[in-house]
Each structure stands twice: as structure tokens, then as C-alpha cells.
Amino acid sequence: MRLDKFLSQYTDYSRSQIQQLVKAARVTVNNEVVRKADIKLRGDEQVKLDGQLIVAFAYRYIMLHKPLGYVCANNDSEHPVVVDLLDVPRKQDLQIAGRLDIDTTGLILLTDDGQWNHRITAPKQECSKTYQVITAEPIQQDVISLFAQGVQLHGEKHLTRPAHLEILSSHSARLQIHEGKYHQVKRMFAATGNRVIQLHRESIGNIKLDSQLAPGEYRPLNEIEIQESTQ
């Protein structure tokens, strides 16, 4: 990695400001003053600015209880975005693993670890997602077998992958799917002649939404959650 890229990632300085810092002899690598900001780092050097060691930030893994009305994006011109709910440094660097619609609540994950994000979201990984669903009309028993076989969604060439439906009451159910097509849960119920009026995600893989988190609250994932998230 180039020195200027390293410093721009792990300090609050821009690339142009870093150029000036280097020219002013304020940056050292292995205790030697550097004169060029574009030198290559191997990864084991000690980089200091004004004598202070610059430490690479560790990856961050966050669970957030998404409330209604927020968009799963880093910025939006019309609606509040989920990163607005975070009080963490460099929050615009966080990627959203598992987006939800503006009218859907529940678990979302945020990270700056791109490989981990890919393991969560890549379709071939088949990471499960579990939702609580409330519908406008009663849920018929035959929907269980229909979802288990796969549903033909409007505009799709292939059936959905087998999904597990547990009916909780006449108008509520828990649904586990292993893919993430556009508005999939709503479209699956629409294919049965029903309409989803409330949707809440409980889990992604083995990560369950912490029951202690109120809407809008968040916490870091623990090590077990990070390691077992895609199992």
C-alpha cells in the first residue's frame, strides 16, 4: 500500500494534506523522515506522524436494529439513512450487509470488512435470513408446502429456493429464506394472493437481533457472531 493511501485511511487527513505533511518532514517510516508520499509500504513498517505511531484500524462489525423510515444507504437525498444512527468514526466507510426496505424493520449488519460482507451477501453463499411477517389476509396452511417447493415470482425465470414457513397465528408467520431477491418476502406472499403489511428481520445466518436493542440502537458483534455468521 502507498504511504499516502495508508495515512488517508487511518488519519483524518486528505491526500493533498498528506503531501504537505510529508514535505514538512512530519512523517517518518521506521524512524526515518520520508520525502515522498507515494512510497510503497510492505505492511510491517512503523509509520509516525509528528512522532505519534499511526495504527491501522481493526475491522468493525456492527448489528443495528433498523427502525421504520430509514433507508439502507450511506446517503440519500430524500430520506434519513441508517448510518445517521451511528456515532462511530468514519461511518461513511461502513458497508451494509443485508439491506432492508424503508418500511421493513429489524437486523442489519454493517462492516468495513469487504470479504466478510461478501460471505454474508453473495447469492452462492445461501446465507439464511429469518423474518417475522404480518399479512393482510389469513395465511393458509398450503402456503407452507408451496414455499418449501419454491414460488414463481412475477418477472422471474426460476422458482425461489425452498423456504421454511412457520405459521404463528392466522395473520402472522416466521419465514426463513436463503436468497435475497428484490422485495422477495413481499412478492412471495403476493404470489399467494396475500399482502405483507409488516415485515421484521430477526436474523442473518447465525446472528440474531439482540433483544436488548431498541429500534435505532446498535452494538458491535462479538467474536462468536463474527466467526459463525455464515455457518
Protein backbone atom coordinates (compact mmCIF):
# COMPACT_ATOMS: atom_id res chain seq x y z
CA MET A 1 0.00 0.00 0.00
CA ARG A 2 1.21 3.51 -0.73
CA LEU A 3 2.11 5.70 2.22
CA ASP A 4 -0.37 8.43 1.29
CA LYS A 5 -3.19 5.89 0.97
CA PHE A 6 -2.30 4.38 4.35
CA LEU A 7 -2.33 7.77 6.05
CA SER A 8 -5.56 8.86 4.38
CA GLN A 9 -7.27 5.68 5.62
CA TYR A 10 -6.04 5.82 9.19
CA THR A 11 -5.98 9.55 9.90
CA ASP A 12 -8.35 12.44 9.24
CA TYR A 13 -6.04 13.98 6.64
CA SER A 14 -6.77 14.12 2.91
CA ARG A 15 -4.27 13.03 0.24
CA SER A 16 -3.38 16.66 -0.53
CA GLN A 17 -2.85 17.44 3.15
CA ILE A 18 -0.64 14.37 3.49
CA GLN A 19 1.54 15.66 0.66
CA GLN A 20 2.11 18.81 2.68
CA LEU A 21 2.83 16.85 5.86
CA VAL A 22 5.48 14.83 4.05
CA LYS A 23 7.06 17.98 2.57
CA ALA A 24 7.18 19.43 6.07
CA ALA A 25 9.16 16.35 7.26
CA ARG A 26 6.44 15.43 9.76
CA VAL A 27 6.12 11.81 8.62
CA THR A 28 8.59 9.04 9.40
CA VAL A 29 8.76 5.39 8.37
CA ASN A 30 10.81 3.21 10.71
CA ASN A 31 12.01 6.43 12.36
CA GLU A 32 13.39 7.87 9.12
CA VAL A 33 11.90 11.02 7.62
CA VAL A 34 10.28 10.32 4.25
CA ARG A 35 10.35 12.76 1.36
CA LYS A 36 7.81 11.17 -0.96
CA ALA A 37 4.19 10.37 -0.15
CA ASP A 38 3.89 7.66 -2.79
CA ILE A 39 6.45 5.22 -1.38
CA LYS A 40 5.28 1.62 -1.07
CA LEU A 41 4.73 0.04 2.34
CA ARG A 42 5.19 -3.71 2.87
CA GLY A 43 2.88 -3.71 5.88
CA ASP A 44 5.33 -4.22 8.75
CA GLU A 45 6.69 -0.67 8.98
CA GLN A 46 6.21 1.78 11.83
CA VAL A 47 4.62 4.91 10.40
CA LYS A 48 4.62 8.00 12.62
CA LEU A 49 3.12 11.46 12.23
CA ASP A 50 4.63 14.12 14.45
CA GLY A 51 6.21 11.30 16.42
CA GLN A 52 2.89 9.53 17.07
CA LEU A 53 2.54 5.95 15.81
CA ILE A 54 -0.27 5.50 13.28
CA VAL A 55 -2.06 2.23 13.96
CA ALA A 56 -4.19 0.56 11.30
CA PHE A 57 -7.80 0.37 12.43
CA ALA A 58 -9.25 -3.07 13.05
CA TYR A 59 -12.27 -4.12 11.03
CA ARG A 60 -15.61 -3.21 12.55
CA TYR A 61 -18.70 -5.43 12.70
CA ILE A 62 -21.92 -3.83 13.92
CA MET A 63 -25.51 -5.01 14.35
CA LEU A 64 -28.21 -2.36 14.14
CA HIS A 65 -31.91 -2.55 14.91
CA LYS A 66 -33.28 -0.69 11.88
CA PRO A 67 -36.39 1.38 12.60
CA LEU A 68 -39.11 2.31 10.14
CA GLY A 69 -38.45 5.18 7.77
CA TYR A 70 -34.72 4.71 7.30
CA VAL A 71 -33.02 3.81 4.02
CA CYS A 72 -30.24 1.23 3.95
CA ALA A 73 -27.69 3.51 2.30
CA ASN A 74 -24.81 5.79 3.22
CA ASN A 75 -26.59 8.83 1.80
CA ASP A 76 -29.97 9.68 0.33
CA SER A 77 -31.40 13.00 -0.78
CA GLU A 78 -34.96 12.29 0.40
CA HIS A 79 -34.84 10.04 3.47
CA PRO A 80 -32.74 9.53 6.60
CA VAL A 81 -30.16 6.75 6.23
CA VAL A 82 -29.14 4.05 8.68
CA VAL A 83 -25.58 5.34 9.09
CA ASP A 84 -27.10 8.51 10.57
CA LEU A 85 -27.98 6.37 13.58
CA LEU A 86 -24.32 5.52 14.27
CA ASP A 87 -21.98 7.55 16.45
CA VAL A 88 -18.70 5.99 15.28
CA PRO A 89 -15.65 7.36 13.44
CA ARG A 90 -15.52 7.00 9.64
CA LYS A 91 -19.08 5.72 9.50
CA GLN A 92 -19.29 6.51 5.79
CA ASP A 93 -16.71 3.74 5.22
CA LEU A 94 -19.11 1.09 6.52
CA GLN A 95 -20.79 -1.27 4.06
CA ILE A 96 -24.32 -2.54 4.70
CA ALA A 97 -24.56 -6.33 4.65
CA GLY A 98 -28.18 -7.26 4.07
CA ARG A 99 -30.29 -4.25 3.15
CA LEU A 100 -33.91 -3.75 4.17
CA ASP A 101 -36.68 -1.68 2.60
CA ILE A 102 -37.62 1.66 4.13
CA ASP A 103 -40.81 0.11 5.61
CA THR A 104 -39.05 -3.00 6.99
CA THR A 105 -37.53 -3.17 10.48
CA GLY A 106 -35.02 -5.41 12.18
CA LEU A 107 -31.48 -6.65 11.88
CA ILE A 108 -28.95 -5.13 9.54
CA LEU A 109 -25.18 -5.62 9.69
CA LEU A 110 -22.54 -3.03 8.91
CA THR A 111 -18.83 -3.61 8.39
CA ASP A 112 -15.73 -2.30 6.66
CA ASP A 113 -14.51 -5.86 6.06
CA GLY A 114 -15.39 -6.39 2.40
CA GLN A 115 -14.64 -10.12 2.36
CA TRP A 116 -16.88 -10.76 5.36
CA ASN A 117 -19.62 -8.70 3.74
CA HIS A 118 -19.31 -10.82 0.59
CA ARG A 119 -19.70 -14.04 2.60
CA ILE A 120 -22.93 -12.65 4.06
CA THR A 121 -24.47 -11.24 0.89
CA ALA A 122 -23.18 -13.28 -2.09
CA PRO A 123 -26.08 -15.34 -3.51
CA LYS A 124 -23.98 -18.51 -3.83
CA GLN A 125 -23.29 -18.42 -0.08
CA GLU A 126 -27.02 -19.03 0.59
CA CYS A 127 -26.83 -17.26 3.96
CA SER A 128 -30.21 -17.68 5.63
CA LYS A 129 -32.41 -14.75 6.65
CA THR A 130 -35.37 -15.09 9.02
CA TYR A 131 -38.33 -12.71 9.08
CA GLN A 132 -41.45 -12.15 11.13
CA VAL A 133 -44.34 -11.43 8.78
CA ILE A 134 -47.78 -9.96 9.38
CA THR A 135 -50.22 -10.19 6.50
CA ALA A 136 -53.45 -8.50 5.49
CA GLU A 137 -55.30 -11.79 4.94
CA PRO A 138 -55.18 -15.12 6.81
CA ILE A 139 -52.23 -17.36 5.88
CA GLN A 140 -53.44 -20.69 4.52
CA GLN A 141 -51.79 -23.95 5.56
CA ASP A 142 -50.96 -24.91 1.98
CA VAL A 143 -48.60 -21.94 1.76
CA ILE A 144 -46.14 -23.95 3.88
CA SER A 145 -45.69 -26.59 1.20
CA LEU A 146 -45.80 -24.02 -1.60
CA PHE A 147 -42.89 -22.07 -0.12
CA ALA A 148 -41.00 -25.31 0.55
CA GLN A 149 -41.29 -26.24 -3.14
CA GLY A 150 -40.44 -22.77 -4.44
CA VAL A 151 -42.61 -19.93 -5.71
CA GLN A 152 -42.82 -18.45 -9.19
CA LEU A 153 -42.40 -14.71 -8.73
CA HIS A 154 -43.66 -12.24 -11.28
CA GLY A 155 -40.88 -11.33 -13.70
CA GLU A 156 -38.55 -14.15 -12.58
CA LYS A 157 -37.45 -17.09 -14.76
CA HIS A 158 -36.83 -19.51 -11.91
CA LEU A 159 -38.67 -20.56 -8.76
CA THR A 160 -37.46 -19.23 -5.45
CA ARG A 161 -35.26 -21.60 -3.49
CA PRO A 162 -37.03 -23.73 -0.87
CA ALA A 163 -38.09 -21.62 2.11
CA HIS A 164 -39.32 -22.62 5.55
CA LEU A 165 -42.59 -21.08 6.74
CA GLU A 166 -43.88 -21.41 10.30
CA ILE A 167 -47.42 -20.09 10.80
CA LEU A 168 -47.67 -18.37 14.19
CA SER A 169 -51.28 -17.18 14.03
CA SER A 170 -53.93 -16.51 11.41
CA HIS A 171 -52.12 -13.41 10.11
CA SER A 172 -48.53 -13.89 11.26
CA ALA A 173 -45.68 -16.21 10.40
CA ARG A 174 -41.92 -16.70 10.57
CA LEU A 175 -40.22 -17.20 7.21
CA GLN A 176 -36.65 -18.33 6.55
CA ILE A 177 -35.20 -17.80 3.07
CA HIS A 178 -31.75 -18.42 1.60
CA GLU A 179 -31.60 -15.75 -1.08
CA GLY A 180 -32.31 -12.06 -1.38
CA LYS A 181 -34.32 -11.20 -4.46
CA TYR A 182 -35.83 -7.74 -4.73
CA HIS A 183 -38.75 -7.43 -2.27
CA GLN A 184 -38.69 -11.23 -2.09
CA VAL A 185 -40.78 -11.86 1.03
CA LYS A 186 -43.48 -9.43 -0.07
CA ARG A 187 -43.53 -10.92 -3.57
CA MET A 188 -43.73 -14.48 -2.24
CA PHE A 189 -46.84 -13.68 -0.24
CA ALA A 190 -48.25 -11.67 -3.13
CA ALA A 191 -47.95 -14.82 -5.24
CA THR A 192 -50.38 -16.50 -2.81
CA GLY A 193 -52.89 -13.65 -3.08
CA ASN A 194 -51.88 -12.11 0.23
CA ARG A 195 -50.18 -8.87 1.19
CA VAL A 196 -47.45 -8.22 3.75
CA ILE A 197 -48.32 -5.28 5.99
CA GLN A 198 -45.43 -5.60 8.49
CA LEU A 199 -42.01 -7.16 7.99
CA HIS A 200 -39.25 -7.54 10.56
CA ARG A 201 -35.93 -9.38 10.14
CA GLU A 202 -34.89 -11.46 13.13
CA SER A 203 -31.62 -12.98 11.96
CA ILE A 204 -28.97 -13.26 9.28
CA GLY A 205 -27.16 -16.59 9.32
CA ASN A 206 -26.48 -17.38 12.96
CA ILE A 207 -26.61 -13.75 14.02
CA LYS A 208 -29.84 -12.92 15.84
CA LEU A 209 -31.00 -9.40 16.55
CA ASP A 210 -30.18 -8.61 20.17
CA SER A 211 -33.46 -8.35 22.06
CA GLN A 212 -31.92 -5.61 24.23
CA LEU A 213 -31.56 -3.26 21.24
CA ALA A 214 -34.42 -0.83 20.75
CA PRO A 215 -35.13 0.46 17.23
CA GLY A 216 -32.25 2.71 16.22
CA GLU A 217 -29.79 1.18 18.68
CA TYR A 218 -26.68 -0.81 17.76
CA ARG A 219 -23.75 -2.72 19.23
CA PRO A 220 -20.56 -4.42 18.00
CA LEU A 221 -20.76 -8.10 17.13
CA ASN A 222 -18.93 -10.42 19.49
CA GLU A 223 -16.25 -12.80 18.25
CA ILE A 224 -18.60 -15.80 18.13
CA GLU A 225 -21.10 -13.88 15.99
CA ILE A 226 -18.36 -12.75 13.61
CA GLN A 227 -16.90 -16.23 13.18
CA GLU A 228 -20.18 -18.16 12.95
CA SER A 229 -22.16 -15.64 10.93
CA THR A 230 -22.28 -17.69 7.74
CA GLN A 231 -22.49 -21.18 9.23
